Amino acid sequence: MAEAKALKVAFDGSDKMFFENHPERQAHIRLPFKDEADGEFFSLGEHNRTQRRILIWRIPRDSPYYHPEQQPILKIPFLAFEDENIPDEDDVLLPVIATIMQEQAQAKGV
């Protein structure tokens, strides 16, 4: 599907608003804001800026990634393939996020 790297816990008012307006949703994909996550995207190698996306995951309370002292939103810089249209639907996004999380856990020996 696409390539993703650097995971970052973040809190953004617009992302919080999305989940408040869509309480049934656990994931969301959007374009990055102006210079958002430029460093993380740079670490993903050469690419066209139009490929940049931000995956947003509302971390469930029963997840091992959930920490009550932090905001429960994970922001993941993500590169789409050229001209790829990724539907903003949980049934599409949650498997992508699960794969990214598993790859990161394996890379860290967890």
PDB file of N, CA and C in Angstrom:
ATOM      1  N   MET A   1       0.834  -1.190   0.000  1.00  0.00           N
ATOM      2  CA  MET A   1       0.000   0.000   0.000  1.00  0.00           C
ATOM      3  C   MET A   1       0.875   1.249   0.000  1.00  0.00           C
ATOM      4  N   ALA A   2       1.546   1.525   1.091  1.00  0.00           N
ATOM      5  CA  ALA A   2       2.406   2.697   1.158  1.00  0.00           C
ATOM      6  C   ALA A   2       3.434   2.470   2.243  1.00  0.00           C
ATOM      7  N   GLU A   3       4.295   3.435   2.416  1.00  0.00           N
ATOM      8  CA  GLU A   3       5.385   3.307   3.350  1.00  0.00           C
ATOM      9  C   GLU A   3       5.179   4.292   4.488  1.00  0.00           C
ATOM     10  N   ALA A   4       5.472   3.867   5.701  1.00  0.00           N
ATOM     11  CA  ALA A   4       5.354   4.759   6.840  1.00  0.00           C
ATOM     12  C   ALA A   4       6.528   4.522   7.769  1.00  0.00           C
ATOM     13  N   LYS A   5       6.887   5.532   8.509  1.00  0.00           N
ATOM     14  CA  LYS A   5       7.983   5.387   9.453  1.00  0.00           C
ATOM     15  C   LYS A   5       7.605   6.080  10.738  1.00  0.00           C
ATOM     16  N   ALA A   6       8.361   7.026  11.169  1.00  0.00           N
ATOM     17  CA  ALA A   6       8.284   7.701  12.457  1.00  0.00           C
ATOM     18  C   ALA A   6       6.889   7.828  13.049  1.00  0.00           C
ATOM     19  N   LEU A   7       6.699   7.205  14.206  1.00  0.00           N
ATOM     20  CA  LEU A   7       5.442   7.323  14.923  1.00  0.00           C
ATOM     21  C   LEU A   7       5.584   8.454  15.931  1.00  0.00           C
ATOM     22  N   LYS A   8       4.543   9.213  16.092  1.00  0.00           N
ATOM     23  CA  LYS A   8       4.622  10.341  17.001  1.00  0.00           C
ATOM     24  C   LYS A   8       3.280  10.533  17.690  1.00  0.00           C
ATOM     25  N   VAL A   9       3.306  10.597  19.005  1.00  0.00           N
ATOM     26  CA  VAL A   9       2.086  10.904  19.741  1.00  0.00           C
ATOM     27  C   VAL A   9       1.893  12.410  19.669  1.00  0.00           C
ATOM     28  N   ALA A  10       0.727  12.807  19.291  1.00  0.00           N
ATOM     29  CA  ALA A  10       0.462  14.231  19.140  1.00  0.00           C
ATOM     30  C   ALA A  10      -0.982  14.524  19.485  1.00  0.00           C
ATOM     31  N   PHE A  11      -1.236  15.773  19.711  1.00  0.00           N
ATOM     32  CA  PHE A  11      -2.594  16.212  19.968  1.00  0.00           C
ATOM     33  C   PHE A  11      -2.827  17.449  19.131  1.00  0.00           C
ATOM     34  N   ASP A  12      -3.872  17.419  18.343  1.00  0.00           N
ATOM     35  CA  ASP A  12      -4.184  18.550  17.488  1.00  0.00           C
ATOM     36  C   ASP A  12      -5.667  18.840  17.642  1.00  0.00           C
ATOM     37  N   GLY A  13      -6.022  20.095  17.785  1.00  0.00           N
ATOM     38  CA  GLY A  13      -7.414  20.470  17.982  1.00  0.00           C
ATOM     39  C   GLY A  13      -8.329  19.996  16.879  1.00  0.00           C
ATOM     40  N   SER A  14      -7.898  20.066  15.626  1.00  0.00           N
ATOM     41  CA  SER A  14      -8.757  19.629  14.524  1.00  0.00           C
ATOM     42  C   SER A  14      -8.958  18.119  14.540  1.00  0.00           C
ATOM     43  N   ASP A  15      -7.946  17.387  14.951  1.00  0.00           N
ATOM     44  CA  ASP A  15      -8.083  15.931  15.042  1.00  0.00           C
ATOM     45  C   ASP A  15      -9.035  15.574  16.185  1.00  0.00           C
ATOM     46  N   LYS A  16      -8.903  16.260  17.301  1.00  0.00           N
ATOM     47  CA  LYS A  16      -9.823  16.037  18.420  1.00  0.00           C
ATOM     48  C   LYS A  16     -11.251  16.351  17.979  1.00  0.00           C
ATOM     49  N   MET A  17     -11.418  17.440  17.244  1.00  0.00           N
ATOM     50  CA  MET A  17     -12.740  17.839  16.767  1.00  0.00           C
ATOM     51  C   MET A  17     -13.322  16.780  15.828  1.00  0.00           C
ATOM     52  N   PHE A  18     -12.474  16.199  14.964  1.00  0.00           N
ATOM     53  CA  PHE A  18     -12.956  15.149  14.065  1.00  0.00           C
ATOM     54  C   PHE A  18     -13.580  14.011  14.873  1.00  0.00           C
ATOM     55  N   PHE A  19     -12.869  13.545  15.908  1.00  0.00           N
ATOM     56  CA  PHE A  19     -13.371  12.415  16.684  1.00  0.00           C
ATOM     57  C   PHE A  19     -14.568  12.797  17.549  1.00  0.00           C
ATOM     58  N   GLU A  20     -14.652  14.039  17.964  1.00  0.00           N
ATOM     59  CA  GLU A  20     -15.841  14.487  18.685  1.00  0.00           C
ATOM     60  C   GLU A  20     -17.059  14.491  17.760  1.00  0.00           C
ATOM     61  N   ASN A  21     -16.847  14.874  16.512  1.00  0.00           N
ATOM     62  CA  ASN A  21     -17.935  14.900  15.527  1.00  0.00           C
ATOM     63  C   ASN A  21     -18.268  13.513  14.977  1.00  0.00           C
ATOM     64  N   HIS A  22     -17.339  12.577  15.094  1.00  0.00           N
ATOM     65  CA  HIS A  22     -17.519  11.214  14.580  1.00  0.00           C
ATOM     66  C   HIS A  22     -17.125  10.216  15.673  1.00  0.00           C
ATOM     67  N   PRO A  23     -17.924  10.122  16.747  1.00  0.00           N
ATOM     68  CA  PRO A  23     -17.541   9.271  17.882  1.00  0.00           C
ATOM     69  C   PRO A  23     -17.440   7.780  17.540  1.00  0.00           C
ATOM     70  N   GLU A  24     -18.027   7.371  16.427  1.00  0.00           N
ATOM     71  CA  GLU A  24     -17.957   5.963  16.026  1.00  0.00           C
ATOM     72  C   GLU A  24     -16.634   5.619  15.351  1.00  0.00           C
ATOM     73  N   ARG A  25     -15.871   6.624  14.962  1.00  0.00           N
ATOM     74  CA  ARG A  25     -14.612   6.417  14.224  1.00  0.00           C
ATOM     75  C   ARG A  25     -13.425   6.224  15.158  1.00  0.00           C
ATOM     76  N   GLN A  26     -12.453   5.413  14.709  1.00  0.00           N
ATOM     77  CA  GLN A  26     -11.207   5.216  15.438  1.00  0.00           C
ATOM     78  C   GLN A  26      -9.998   5.716  14.655  1.00  0.00           C
ATOM     79  N   ALA A  27     -10.184   5.974  13.358  1.00  0.00           N
ATOM     80  CA  ALA A  27      -9.058   6.396  12.524  1.00  0.00           C
ATOM     81  C   ALA A  27      -9.529   7.459  11.539  1.00  0.00           C
ATOM     82  N   HIS A  28      -8.550   8.203  11.045  1.00  0.00           N
ATOM     83  CA  HIS A  28      -8.825   9.289  10.096  1.00  0.00           C
ATOM     84  C   HIS A  28      -7.548   9.502   9.280  1.00  0.00           C
ATOM     85  N   ILE A  29      -7.692   9.891   8.031  1.00  0.00           N
ATOM     86  CA  ILE A  29      -6.540  10.240   7.204  1.00  0.00           C
ATOM     87  C   ILE A  29      -6.787  11.628   6.648  1.00  0.00           C
ATOM     88  N   ARG A  30      -5.723  12.414   6.623  1.00  0.00           N
ATOM     89  CA  ARG A  30      -5.837  13.779   6.120  1.00  0.00           C
ATOM     90  C   ARG A  30      -4.509  14.220   5.534  1.00  0.00           C
ATOM     91  N   LEU A  31      -4.554  15.333   4.825  1.00  0.00           N
ATOM     92  CA  LEU A  31      -3.326  15.955   4.341  1.00  0.00           C
ATOM     93  C   LEU A  31      -2.637  16.637   5.515  1.00  0.00           C
ATOM     94  N   PRO A  32      -1.321  16.707   5.498  1.00  0.00           N
ATOM     95  CA  PRO A  32      -0.634  17.416   6.584  1.00  0.00           C
ATOM     96  C   PRO A  32      -0.863  18.922   6.475  1.00  0.00           C
ATOM     97  N   PHE A  33      -0.826  19.581   7.627  1.00  0.00           N
ATOM     98  CA  PHE A  33      -0.875  21.028   7.634  1.00  0.00           C
ATOM     99  C   PHE A  33       0.428  21.551   7.060  1.00  0.00           C
ATOM    100  N   LYS A  34       0.546  22.835   6.857  1.00  0.00           N
ATOM    101  CA  LYS A  34       1.650  23.471   6.128  1.00  0.00           C
ATOM    102  C   LYS A  34       3.012  22.771   6.275  1.00  0.00           C
ATOM    103  N   ASP A  35       3.637  22.843   7.415  1.00  0.00           N
ATOM    104  CA  ASP A  35       4.957  22.227   7.616  1.00  0.00           C
ATOM    105  C   ASP A  35       4.896  21.069   8.602  1.00  0.00           C
ATOM    106  N   GLU A  36       3.725  20.535   8.820  1.00  0.00           N
ATOM    107  CA  GLU A  36       3.529  19.483   9.808  1.00  0.00           C
ATOM    108  C   GLU A  36       4.357  18.242   9.475  1.00  0.00           C
ATOM    109  N   ALA A  37       5.083  17.783  10.443  1.00  0.00           N
ATOM    110  CA  ALA A  37       5.856  16.531  10.361  1.00  0.00           C
ATOM    111  C   ALA A  37       6.892  16.550   9.239  1.00  0.00           C
ATOM    112  N   ASP A  38       7.387  17.716   8.875  1.00  0.00           N
ATOM    113  CA  ASP A  38       8.392  17.783   7.809  1.00  0.00           C
ATOM    114  C   ASP A  38       9.599  16.901   8.104  1.00  0.00           C
ATOM    115  N   GLY A  39      10.071  16.905   9.334  1.00  0.00           N
ATOM    116  CA  GLY A  39      11.227  16.080   9.699  1.00  0.00           C
ATOM    117  C   GLY A  39      10.953  14.598   9.527  1.00  0.00           C
ATOM    118  N   GLU A  40       9.772  14.169   9.962  1.00  0.00           N
ATOM    119  CA  GLU A  40       9.415  12.765   9.827  1.00  0.00           C
ATOM    120  C   GLU A  40       9.291  12.378   8.359  1.00  0.00           C
ATOM    121  N   PHE A  41       8.668  13.242   7.573  1.00  0.00           N
ATOM    122  CA  PHE A  41       8.548  12.941   6.144  1.00  0.00           C
ATOM    123  C   PHE A  41       9.919  12.917   5.472  1.00  0.00           C
ATOM    124  N   PHE A  42      10.813  13.800   5.877  1.00  0.00           N
ATOM    125  CA  PHE A  42      12.163  13.818   5.329  1.00  0.00           C
ATOM    126  C   PHE A  42      12.847  12.476   5.579  1.00  0.00           C
ATOM    127  N   SER A  43      12.588  11.875   6.754  1.00  0.00           N
ATOM    128  CA  SER A  43      13.223  10.598   7.092  1.00  0.00           C
ATOM    129  C   SER A  43      12.692   9.446   6.243  1.00  0.00           C
ATOM    130  N   LEU A  44      11.586   9.648   5.528  1.00  0.00           N
ATOM    131  CA  LEU A  44      11.019   8.599   4.681  1.00  0.00           C
ATOM    132  C   LEU A  44      11.658   8.551   3.295  1.00  0.00           C
ATOM    133  N   GLY A  45      12.627   9.410   3.046  1.00  0.00           N
ATOM    134  CA  GLY A  45      13.324   9.390   1.769  1.00  0.00           C
ATOM    135  C   GLY A  45      12.687  10.322   0.746  1.00  0.00           C
ATOM    136  N   GLU A  46      13.275  10.307  -0.443  1.00  0.00           N
ATOM    137  CA  GLU A  46      12.795  11.184  -1.505  1.00  0.00           C
ATOM    138  C   GLU A  46      11.383  10.814  -1.919  1.00  0.00           C
ATOM    139  N   HIS A  47      10.540  11.824  -2.052  1.00  0.00           N
ATOM    140  CA  HIS A  47       9.153  11.607  -2.453  1.00  0.00           C
ATOM    141  C   HIS A  47       8.548  12.938  -2.884  1.00  0.00           C
ATOM    142  N   ASN A  48       7.458  12.847  -3.559  1.00  0.00           N
ATOM    143  CA  ASN A  48       6.706  14.032  -3.972  1.00  0.00           C
ATOM    144  C   ASN A  48       5.845  14.464  -2.790  1.00  0.00           C
ATOM    145  N   ARG A  49       5.822  15.753  -2.481  1.00  0.00           N
ATOM    146  CA  ARG A  49       5.037  16.256  -1.345  1.00  0.00           C
ATOM    147  C   ARG A  49       3.554  15.905  -1.465  1.00  0.00           C
ATOM    148  N   THR A  50       3.078  15.691  -2.677  1.00  0.00           N
ATOM    149  CA  THR A  50       1.656  15.359  -2.851  1.00  0.00           C
ATOM    150  C   THR A  50       1.327  13.961  -2.326  1.00  0.00           C
ATOM    151  N   GLN A  51       2.338  13.153  -2.035  1.00  0.00           N
ATOM    152  CA  GLN A  51       2.127  11.811  -1.493  1.00  0.00           C
ATOM    153  C   GLN A  51       1.903  11.826   0.016  1.00  0.00           C
ATOM    154  N   ARG A  52       2.172  12.935   0.671  1.00  0.00           N
ATOM    155  CA  ARG A  52       2.128  13.005   2.131  1.00  0.00           C
ATOM    156  C   ARG A  52       0.702  12.946   2.676  1.00  0.00           C
ATOM    157  N   ARG A  53       0.551  12.114   3.688  1.00  0.00           N
ATOM    158  CA  ARG A  53      -0.712  12.004   4.417  1.00  0.00           C
ATOM    159  C   ARG A  53      -0.384  11.861   5.890  1.00  0.00           C
ATOM    160  N   ILE A  54      -1.346  12.180   6.718  1.00  0.00           N
ATOM    161  CA  ILE A  54      -1.237  11.947   8.152  1.00  0.00           C
ATOM    162  C   ILE A  54      -2.351  10.971   8.534  1.00  0.00           C
ATOM    163  N   LEU A  55      -1.959   9.829   9.080  1.00  0.00           N
ATOM    164  CA  LEU A  55      -2.923   8.886   9.639  1.00  0.00           C
ATOM    165  C   LEU A  55      -3.117   9.268  11.095  1.00  0.00           C
ATOM    166  N   ILE A  56      -4.358   9.358  11.517  1.00  0.00           N
ATOM    167  CA  ILE A  56      -4.675   9.690  12.902  1.00  0.00           C
ATOM    168  C   ILE A  56      -5.409   8.494  13.493  1.00  0.00           C
ATOM    169  N   TRP A  57      -4.948   8.038  14.647  1.00  0.00           N
ATOM    170  CA  TRP A  57      -5.566   6.903  15.321  1.00  0.00           C
ATOM    171  C   TRP A  57      -5.958   7.320  16.729  1.00  0.00           C
ATOM    172  N   ARG A  58      -7.229   7.163  17.045  1.00  0.00           N
ATOM    173  CA  ARG A  58      -7.680   7.389  18.419  1.00  0.00           C
ATOM    174  C   ARG A  58      -7.407   6.094  19.167  1.00  0.00           C
ATOM    175  N   ILE A  59      -6.472   6.136  20.065  1.00  0.00           N
ATOM    176  CA  ILE A  59      -6.003   4.938  20.748  1.00  0.00           C
ATOM    177  C   ILE A  59      -7.060   4.462  21.741  1.00  0.00           C
ATOM    178  N   PRO A  60      -7.540   3.227  21.577  1.00  0.00           N
ATOM    179  CA  PRO A  60      -8.535   2.697  22.514  1.00  0.00           C
ATOM    180  C   PRO A  60      -7.934   2.518  23.911  1.00  0.00           C
ATOM    181  N   ARG A  61      -8.755   2.671  24.920  1.00  0.00           N
ATOM    182  CA  ARG A  61      -8.289   2.539  26.308  1.00  0.00           C
ATOM    183  C   ARG A  61      -7.714   1.158  26.606  1.00  0.00           C
ATOM    184  N   ASP A  62      -8.153   0.126  25.904  1.00  0.00           N
ATOM    185  CA  ASP A  62      -7.657  -1.219  26.168  1.00  0.00           C
ATOM    186  C   ASP A  62      -6.409  -1.572  25.355  1.00  0.00           C
ATOM    187  N   SER A  63      -5.884  -0.607  24.615  1.00  0.00           N
ATOM    188  CA  SER A  63      -4.691  -0.829  23.803  1.00  0.00           C
ATOM    189  C   SER A  63      -3.432  -0.714  24.663  1.00  0.00           C
ATOM    190  N   PRO A  64      -2.396  -1.525  24.368  1.00  0.00           N
ATOM    191  CA  PRO A  64      -1.128  -1.372  25.105  1.00  0.00           C
ATOM    192  C   PRO A  64      -0.441  -0.036  24.802  1.00  0.00           C
ATOM    193  N   TYR A  65      -0.890   0.666  23.763  1.00  0.00           N
ATOM    194  CA  TYR A  65      -0.312   1.963  23.398  1.00  0.00           C
ATOM    195  C   TYR A  65      -0.978   3.120  24.132  1.00  0.00           C
ATOM    196  N   TYR A  66      -2.065   2.841  24.841  1.00  0.00           N
ATOM    197  CA  TYR A  66      -2.805   3.889  25.541  1.00  0.00           C
ATOM    198  C   TYR A  66      -2.096   4.246  26.843  1.00  0.00           C
ATOM    199  N   HIS A  67      -1.897   5.543  27.071  1.00  0.00           N
ATOM    200  CA  HIS A  67      -1.310   6.043  28.314  1.00  0.00           C
ATOM    201  C   HIS A  67      -2.193   7.173  28.812  1.00  0.00           C
ATOM    202  N   PRO A  68      -2.816   7.015  29.976  1.00  0.00           N
ATOM    203  CA  PRO A  68      -3.774   8.010  30.447  1.00  0.00           C
ATOM    204  C   PRO A  68      -3.173   9.399  30.655  1.00  0.00           C
ATOM    205  N   GLU A  69      -1.873   9.488  30.869  1.00  0.00           N
ATOM    206  CA  GLU A  69      -1.262  10.804  31.067  1.00  0.00           C
ATOM    207  C   GLU A  69      -0.971  11.528  29.744  1.00  0.00           C
ATOM    208  N   GLN A  70      -1.160  10.859  28.633  1.00  0.00           N
ATOM    209  CA  GLN A  70      -0.945  11.473  27.320  1.00  0.00           C
ATOM    210  C   GLN A  70      -2.266  11.563  26.570  1.00  0.00           C
ATOM    211  N   GLN A  71      -2.304  12.421  25.571  1.00  0.00           N
ATOM    212  CA  GLN A  71      -3.491  12.525  24.739  1.00  0.00           C
ATOM    213  C   GLN A  71      -3.642  11.224  23.948  1.00  0.00           C
ATOM    214  N   PRO A  72      -4.848  10.711  23.822  1.00  0.00           N
ATOM    215  CA  PRO A  72      -5.046   9.403  23.187  1.00  0.00           C
ATOM    216  C   PRO A  72      -5.135   9.454  21.658  1.00  0.00           C
ATOM    217  N   ILE A  73      -4.328  10.312  21.040  1.00  0.00           N
ATOM    218  CA  ILE A  73      -4.338  10.415  19.579  1.00  0.00           C
ATOM    219  C   ILE A  73      -2.916  10.204  19.078  1.00  0.00           C
ATOM    220  N   LEU A  74      -2.759   9.263  18.161  1.00  0.00           N
ATOM    221  CA  LEU A  74      -1.456   8.994  17.569  1.00  0.00           C
ATOM    222  C   LEU A  74      -1.463   9.508  16.144  1.00  0.00           C
ATOM    223  N   LYS A  75      -0.454  10.285  15.815  1.00  0.00           N
ATOM    224  CA  LYS A  75      -0.324  10.862  14.475  1.00  0.00           C
ATOM    225  C   LYS A  75       0.822  10.148  13.772  1.00  0.00           C
ATOM    226  N   ILE A  76       0.542   9.577  12.577  1.00  0.00           N
ATOM    227  CA  ILE A  76       1.532   8.790  11.849  1.00  0.00           C
ATOM    228  C   ILE A  76       1.749   9.396  10.465  1.00  0.00           C
ATOM    229  N   PRO A  77       2.937   9.940  10.194  1.00  0.00           N
ATOM    230  CA  PRO A  77       3.240  10.397   8.831  1.00  0.00           C
ATOM    231  C   PRO A  77       3.266   9.199   7.894  1.00  0.00           C
ATOM    232  N   PHE A  78       2.693   9.360   6.731  1.00  0.00           N
ATOM    233  CA  PHE A  78       2.439   8.232   5.829  1.00  0.00           C
ATOM    234  C   PHE A  78       2.583   8.707   4.393  1.00  0.00           C
ATOM    235  N   LEU A  79       3.203   7.880   3.552  1.00  0.00           N
ATOM    236  CA  LEU A  79       3.325   8.210   2.131  1.00  0.00           C
ATOM    237  C   LEU A  79       2.395   7.325   1.308  1.00  0.00           C
ATOM    238  N   ALA A  80       1.518   7.954   0.564  1.00  0.00           N
ATOM    239  CA  ALA A  80       0.655   7.232  -0.369  1.00  0.00           C
ATOM    240  C   ALA A  80       1.419   7.031  -1.669  1.00  0.00           C
ATOM    241  N   PHE A  81       1.042   6.018  -2.427  1.00  0.00           N
ATOM    242  CA  PHE A  81       1.616   5.871  -3.758  1.00  0.00           C
ATOM    243  C   PHE A  81       1.131   7.031  -4.624  1.00  0.00           C
ATOM    244  N   GLU A  82       1.853   7.316  -5.678  1.00  0.00           N
ATOM    245  CA  GLU A  82       1.422   8.357  -6.621  1.00  0.00           C
ATOM    246  C   GLU A  82      -0.011   8.096  -7.047  1.00  0.00           C
ATOM    247  N   ASP A  83      -0.844   9.105  -7.014  1.00  0.00           N
ATOM    248  CA  ASP A  83      -2.241   9.039  -7.455  1.00  0.00           C
ATOM    249  C   ASP A  83      -3.080   8.018  -6.690  1.00  0.00           C
ATOM    250  N   GLU A  84      -2.617   7.571  -5.525  1.00  0.00           N
ATOM    251  CA  GLU A  84      -3.396   6.619  -4.722  1.00  0.00           C
ATOM    252  C   GLU A  84      -4.479   7.373  -3.955  1.00  0.00           C
ATOM    253  N   ASN A  85      -5.671   6.860  -4.008  1.00  0.00           N
ATOM    254  CA  ASN A  85      -6.784   7.412  -3.250  1.00  0.00           C
ATOM    255  C   ASN A  85      -7.079   6.461  -2.100  1.00  0.00           C
ATOM    256  N   ILE A  86      -6.844   6.915  -0.875  1.00  0.00           N
ATOM    257  CA  ILE A  86      -7.050   6.080   0.300  1.00  0.00           C
ATOM    258  C   ILE A  86      -8.356   6.513   0.955  1.00  0.00           C
ATOM    259  N   PRO A  87      -9.353   5.638   0.977  1.00  0.00           N
ATOM    260  CA  PRO A  87     -10.632   6.006   1.585  1.00  0.00           C
ATOM    261  C   PRO A  87     -10.483   6.309   3.083  1.00  0.00           C
ATOM    262  N   ASP A  88     -11.146   7.338   3.534  1.00  0.00           N
ATOM    263  CA  ASP A  88     -11.136   7.714   4.936  1.00  0.00           C
ATOM    264  C   ASP A  88     -12.209   6.905   5.666  1.00  0.00           C
ATOM    265  N   GLU A  89     -11.913   5.615   5.841  1.00  0.00           N
ATOM    266  CA  GLU A  89     -12.842   4.684   6.472  1.00  0.00           C
ATOM    267  C   GLU A  89     -12.062   3.779   7.421  1.00  0.00           C
ATOM    268  N   ASP A  90     -12.638   3.509   8.583  1.00  0.00           N
ATOM    269  CA  ASP A  90     -11.961   2.674   9.571  1.00  0.00           C
ATOM    270  C   ASP A  90     -11.582   1.300   9.033  1.00  0.00           C
ATOM    271  N   ASP A  91     -12.456   0.687   8.241  1.00  0.00           N
ATOM    272  CA  ASP A  91     -12.148  -0.665   7.762  1.00  0.00           C
ATOM    273  C   ASP A  91     -10.961  -0.688   6.802  1.00  0.00           C
ATOM    274  N   VAL A  92     -10.598   0.443   6.241  1.00  0.00           N
ATOM    275  CA  VAL A  92      -9.407   0.556   5.393  1.00  0.00           C
ATOM    276  C   VAL A  92      -8.204   0.988   6.233  1.00  0.00           C
ATOM    277  N   LEU A  93      -8.386   1.982   7.091  1.00  0.00           N
ATOM    278  CA  LEU A  93      -7.275   2.588   7.819  1.00  0.00           C
ATOM    279  C   LEU A  93      -6.764   1.754   8.994  1.00  0.00           C
ATOM    280  N   LEU A  94      -7.657   1.103   9.731  1.00  0.00           N
ATOM    281  CA  LEU A  94      -7.217   0.352  10.911  1.00  0.00           C
ATOM    282  C   LEU A  94      -6.259  -0.793  10.580  1.00  0.00           C
ATOM    283  N   PRO A  95      -6.461  -1.563   9.499  1.00  0.00           N
ATOM    284  CA  PRO A  95      -5.456  -2.580   9.148  1.00  0.00           C
ATOM    285  C   PRO A  95      -4.099  -1.969   8.762  1.00  0.00           C
ATOM    286  N   VAL A  96      -4.111  -0.811   8.122  1.00  0.00           N
ATOM    287  CA  VAL A  96      -2.858  -0.135   7.768  1.00  0.00           C
ATOM    288  C   VAL A  96      -2.131   0.267   9.052  1.00  0.00           C
ATOM    289  N   ILE A  97      -2.859   0.853   9.988  1.00  0.00           N
ATOM    290  CA  ILE A  97      -2.256   1.270  11.258  1.00  0.00           C
ATOM    291  C   ILE A  97      -1.738   0.056  12.023  1.00  0.00           C
ATOM    292  N   ALA A  98      -2.500  -1.032  12.050  1.00  0.00           N
ATOM    293  CA  ALA A  98      -2.059  -2.247  12.737  1.00  0.00           C
ATOM    294  C   ALA A  98      -0.753  -2.774  12.150  1.00  0.00           C
ATOM    295  N   THR A  99      -0.643  -2.752  10.835  1.00  0.00           N
ATOM    296  CA  THR A  99       0.582  -3.208  10.172  1.00  0.00           C
ATOM    297  C   THR A  99       1.762  -2.323  10.548  1.00  0.00           C
ATOM    298  N   ILE A 100       1.559  -1.025  10.528  1.00  0.00           N
ATOM    299  CA  ILE A 100       2.625  -0.081  10.900  1.00  0.00           C
ATOM    300  C   ILE A 100       3.062  -0.328  12.340  1.00  0.00           C
ATOM    301  N   MET A 101       2.107  -0.493  13.243  1.00  0.00           N
ATOM    302  CA  MET A 101       2.435  -0.712  14.646  1.00  0.00           C
ATOM    303  C   MET A 101       3.195  -2.033  14.831  1.00  0.00           C
ATOM    304  N   GLN A 102       2.784  -3.079  14.137  1.00  0.00           N
ATOM    305  CA  GLN A 102       3.477  -4.369  14.237  1.00  0.00           C
ATOM    306  C   GLN A 102       4.897  -4.257  13.707  1.00  0.00           C
ATOM    307  N   GLU A 103       5.077  -3.572  12.589  1.00  0.00           N
ATOM    308  CA  GLU A 103       6.421  -3.401  12.023  1.00  0.00           C
ATOM    309  C   GLU A 103       7.317  -2.613  12.979  1.00  0.00           C
ATOM    310  N   GLN A 104       6.773  -1.582  13.596  1.00  0.00           N
ATOM    311  CA  GLN A 104       7.557  -0.786  14.547  1.00  0.00           C
ATOM    312  C   GLN A 104       7.922  -1.621  15.784  1.00  0.00           C
ATOM    313  N   ALA A 105       6.969  -2.424  16.263  1.00  0.00           N
ATOM    314  CA  ALA A 105       7.241  -3.267  17.429  1.00  0.00           C
ATOM    315  C   ALA A 105       8.335  -4.287  17.117  1.00  0.00           C
ATOM    316  N   GLN A 106       8.266  -4.895  15.942  1.00  0.00           N
ATOM    317  CA  GLN A 106       9.282  -5.871  15.538  1.00  0.00           C
ATOM    318  C   GLN A 106      10.643  -5.196  15.391  1.00  0.00           C
ATOM    319  N   ALA A 107      10.664  -4.006  14.820  1.00  0.00           N
ATOM    320  CA  ALA A 107      11.920  -3.275  14.635  1.00  0.00           C
ATOM    321  C   ALA A 107      12.569  -2.942  15.979  1.00  0.00           C
ATOM    322  N   LYS A 108      11.740  -2.783  16.999  1.00  0.00           N
ATOM    323  CA  LYS A 108      12.264  -2.451  18.338  1.00  0.00           C
ATOM    324  C   LYS A 108      12.421  -3.701  19.205  1.00  0.00           C
ATOM    325  N   GLY A 109      12.176  -4.868  18.630  1.00  0.00           N
ATOM    326  CA  GLY A 109      12.361  -6.114  19.354  1.00  0.00           C
ATOM    327  C   GLY A 109      11.295  -6.405  20.389  1.00  0.00           C
ATOM    328  N   VAL A 110      10.122  -5.829  20.195  1.00  0.00           N
ATOM    329  CA  VAL A 110       9.029  -6.049  21.156  1.00  0.00           C
ATOM    330  C   VAL A 110       8.203  -7.228  20.723  1.00  0.00           C
TER     331      VAL A 110
END
